Protein backbone atom coordinates (compact mmCIF):
# COMPACT_ATOMS: atom_id res chain seq x y z
CA MET A 1 -28.91 -42.98 -47.84
CA SER A 2 -27.63 -40.95 -45.04
CA THR A 3 -25.50 -41.64 -42.28
CA SER A 4 -25.32 -39.75 -39.18
CA VAL A 5 -22.18 -39.51 -37.09
CA ARG A 6 -22.55 -39.57 -33.53
CA PHE A 7 -19.63 -38.31 -30.99
CA PRO A 8 -19.47 -39.24 -27.39
CA PRO A 9 -20.48 -36.32 -25.10
CA ALA A 10 -16.89 -35.48 -24.00
CA THR A 11 -16.34 -34.93 -27.97
CA VAL A 12 -19.29 -32.61 -27.96
CA ALA A 13 -18.33 -30.49 -24.93
CA ALA A 14 -14.68 -30.57 -26.47
CA ARG A 15 -16.09 -28.84 -29.86
CA ALA A 16 -18.38 -26.29 -27.86
CA ALA A 17 -15.78 -25.01 -25.68
CA CYS A 18 -13.63 -24.50 -29.31
CA VAL A 19 -16.30 -22.84 -30.78
CA VAL A 20 -16.60 -20.66 -27.82
CA PHE A 21 -12.86 -20.13 -27.36
CA ALA A 22 -12.56 -19.14 -31.25
CA ALA A 23 -15.76 -16.32 -30.61
CA ALA A 24 -13.79 -15.16 -27.93
CA ALA A 25 -10.36 -15.21 -29.80
CA LEU A 26 -12.54 -12.98 -32.38
CA ALA A 27 -13.68 -10.76 -29.90
CA GLY A 28 -10.11 -10.19 -28.53
CA ALA A 29 -8.80 -9.62 -31.98
CA ALA A 30 -11.53 -6.91 -32.78
CA GLY A 31 -10.67 -5.71 -29.32
CA LEU A 32 -7.13 -5.48 -30.05
CA ALA A 33 -7.74 -3.60 -33.57
CA THR A 34 -9.51 -1.09 -31.77
CA ALA A 35 -6.92 -0.83 -29.10
CA GLN A 36 -4.16 -0.26 -31.54
CA SER A 37 -5.55 2.60 -32.99
CA ALA A 38 -5.84 4.57 -29.34
CA PRO A 39 -2.76 5.72 -27.76
CA PRO A 40 -0.17 2.59 -26.66
CA ALA A 41 -0.44 2.20 -22.58
CA ALA A 42 2.60 1.34 -20.83
CA ALA A 43 2.91 -2.31 -20.28
CA VAL A 44 5.65 -2.19 -17.71
CA ARG A 45 5.73 0.37 -15.41
CA THR A 46 9.14 1.92 -13.68
CA GLU A 47 7.75 2.82 -9.80
CA ARG A 48 9.86 4.55 -7.29
CA THR A 49 10.51 3.07 -3.88
CA LEU A 50 12.49 3.57 -0.50
CA SER A 51 16.23 1.82 -0.23
CA SER A 52 16.88 -0.10 2.64
CA GLU A 53 19.48 2.69 3.70
CA LEU A 54 17.18 5.40 3.48
CA ALA A 55 13.95 3.13 5.42
CA GLY A 56 16.71 2.65 8.07
CA GLN A 57 17.43 6.31 8.32
CA LEU A 58 14.02 7.20 8.70
CA ALA A 59 12.99 4.57 11.62
CA VAL A 60 16.52 5.92 13.51
CA ALA A 61 15.16 9.52 12.99
CA ALA A 62 11.62 8.77 14.15
CA VAL A 63 12.27 7.25 17.28
CA ALA A 64 15.22 9.58 17.79
CA ALA A 65 12.30 12.27 17.38
CA CYS A 66 10.13 10.76 19.91
CA GLN A 67 13.29 10.00 22.53
CA ALA A 68 13.77 13.67 22.16
CA ASN A 69 10.39 14.60 23.43
CA GLY A 70 10.48 11.71 26.27
CA HIS A 71 8.72 9.10 24.71
CA ALA A 72 9.32 5.55 24.09
CA VAL A 73 8.22 4.41 20.48
CA ALA A 74 8.63 1.89 17.74
CA ALA A 75 8.87 3.00 13.93
CA THR A 76 8.27 0.78 10.92
CA VAL A 77 9.25 1.84 7.30
CA VAL A 78 7.48 0.66 4.44
CA ASP A 79 7.54 0.61 0.93
CA ARG A 80 4.67 1.60 -1.60
CA ALA A 81 3.22 -1.71 -1.15
CA GLY A 82 3.00 -2.04 2.62
CA GLY A 83 6.28 -4.24 2.55
CA VAL A 84 8.22 -3.81 5.65
CA ARG A 85 11.50 -1.82 5.06
CA ALA A 86 12.90 -1.14 8.27
CA VAL A 87 11.74 -1.54 11.96
CA LEU A 88 13.24 -0.07 15.17
CA ARG A 89 11.65 -0.14 18.73
CA ALA A 90 12.96 2.16 21.52
CA ASP A 91 14.53 0.21 24.50
CA ALA A 92 11.53 1.33 27.08
CA ALA A 93 9.10 0.92 24.22
CA GLY A 94 5.98 -1.56 24.86
CA PRO A 95 5.65 -4.58 22.55
CA HIS A 96 2.45 -3.30 21.15
CA THR A 97 4.27 -0.36 19.54
CA LEU A 98 5.57 -2.66 16.87
CA GLU A 99 2.23 -3.94 15.43
CA ALA A 100 1.19 -0.62 15.90
CA SER A 101 3.80 1.19 14.04
CA ARG A 102 3.51 -1.44 11.26
CA LEU A 103 -0.07 -0.96 10.90
CA LYS A 104 -0.04 2.40 10.84
CA ALA A 105 2.65 2.39 8.31
CA TYR A 106 0.79 -0.08 6.19
CA THR A 107 -2.37 2.07 6.27
CA SER A 108 -0.70 5.08 5.35
CA ALA A 109 1.14 3.57 2.14
CA SER A 110 -2.11 1.94 0.79
CA ALA A 111 -4.55 4.83 1.18
CA ARG A 112 -1.53 7.35 0.16
CA ASN A 113 -2.61 9.75 3.33
CA ALA A 114 -1.77 10.55 6.87
CA THR A 115 -3.69 8.15 9.26
CA LEU A 116 -4.36 10.88 11.56
CA ALA A 117 -6.15 12.82 8.61
CA MET A 118 -8.06 9.37 8.07
CA MET A 119 -9.03 8.66 11.34
CA GLU A 120 -10.52 12.50 11.68
CA SER A 121 -12.32 11.87 8.29
CA ALA A 122 -14.03 8.44 9.17
CA GLN A 123 -15.38 10.39 12.70
CA LYS A 124 -16.63 12.91 10.75
CA ASN A 125 -18.06 11.09 7.67
CA PRO A 126 -20.11 7.89 8.12
CA GLY A 127 -19.57 6.86 5.00
CA ALA A 128 -15.47 6.85 5.58
CA ALA A 129 -16.29 5.10 9.22
CA ASN A 130 -16.04 1.56 7.75
CA LEU A 131 -12.50 2.14 6.96
CA VAL A 132 -11.91 0.62 10.13
CA ASN A 133 -13.55 -2.67 8.98
CA ILE A 134 -10.64 -3.21 6.27
CA PRO A 135 -8.22 -6.00 7.31
CA GLY A 136 -4.97 -4.20 8.43
CA PHE A 137 -6.05 -0.99 8.43
CA LEU A 138 -5.26 1.09 11.79
CA LEU A 139 -7.14 4.72 12.25
CA LEU A 140 -4.58 6.21 14.66
CA GLY A 141 -2.54 8.90 14.10
CA GLY A 142 1.44 8.46 13.24
CA GLY A 143 1.26 6.99 9.54
CA VAL A 144 2.64 9.51 6.98
CA PRO A 145 3.39 8.90 3.71
CA VAL A 146 6.78 9.45 2.63
CA LYS A 147 6.61 11.25 -1.01
CA ALA A 148 9.63 11.99 -3.61
CA GLY A 149 7.85 14.93 -5.22
CA ASN A 150 4.22 13.99 -5.49
CA GLU A 151 4.56 10.21 -5.62
CA VAL A 152 4.06 8.17 -2.43
CA ILE A 153 7.16 5.62 -2.27
CA GLY A 154 6.31 4.29 1.40
CA ALA A 155 5.15 5.45 4.63
CA VAL A 156 6.33 5.59 8.13
CA GLY A 157 4.37 4.62 11.26
CA VAL A 158 5.25 5.36 14.83
CA GLY A 159 3.68 4.07 17.70
CA GLY A 160 4.00 4.47 21.68
CA ALA A 161 3.47 7.94 22.20
CA PRO A 162 0.89 9.33 24.56
CA GLY A 163 -1.27 10.26 21.46
CA GLY A 164 -1.27 9.64 17.62
CA HIS A 165 -0.82 13.23 17.16
CA LEU A 166 2.61 12.99 18.92
CA ASP A 167 3.45 9.55 16.98
CA GLU A 168 2.53 11.74 13.53
CA GLN A 169 5.02 14.99 14.77
CA CYS A 170 7.95 12.25 15.25
CA ALA A 171 7.19 10.71 11.98
CA LEU A 172 6.88 13.84 10.22
CA ALA A 173 10.28 14.95 11.97
CA ALA A 174 12.20 11.85 10.20
CA ILE A 175 10.85 12.63 6.82
CA GLU A 176 11.84 16.09 7.27
CA LYS A 177 15.66 14.90 8.44
CA VAL A 178 15.43 13.01 5.11
CA LYS A 179 13.78 15.22 2.80
CA ALA A 180 16.95 16.37 0.59
CA GLN A 181 16.99 12.29 -0.24
CA LEU A 182 13.29 12.50 -1.60
CA GLN A 183 14.44 14.64 -4.68
């Protein structure tokens, strides 16, 4: 005489999930064994970033460079992830310059490229034209990456001069002023 045992549907589903989990665990263990034979990748990375002091110096230098040329601007400095570290707006700069400088800095840090170069590329290359559709990107001159050696550690964004190329000149002047600290 044979007896059959019936499990409630929830129990059957739970057992099936255990089987799937066990199979995934075995597959993971097999992958782990393969990965252990490859050179280990760093599980924790060390990244360089801007100090708040350096970010402040960059913002002040960018605004001063533009003021020397008669332009009232705002400057925003972001870290490598696009987080704002410092902001400065000249007395006569319009309110829109704050957001423009932030977006330029964010775009530059995110793309690890100058926004003027990105704008020119988007104008010439139909494939790059869609960059303007990325939320938070502003493809106007004035965003410049800040590098320590070859590593992008942040970006400066300047907005308010009568042309993005002039905003970029002010950002570059600011970076030049602190370059000894970027070694």
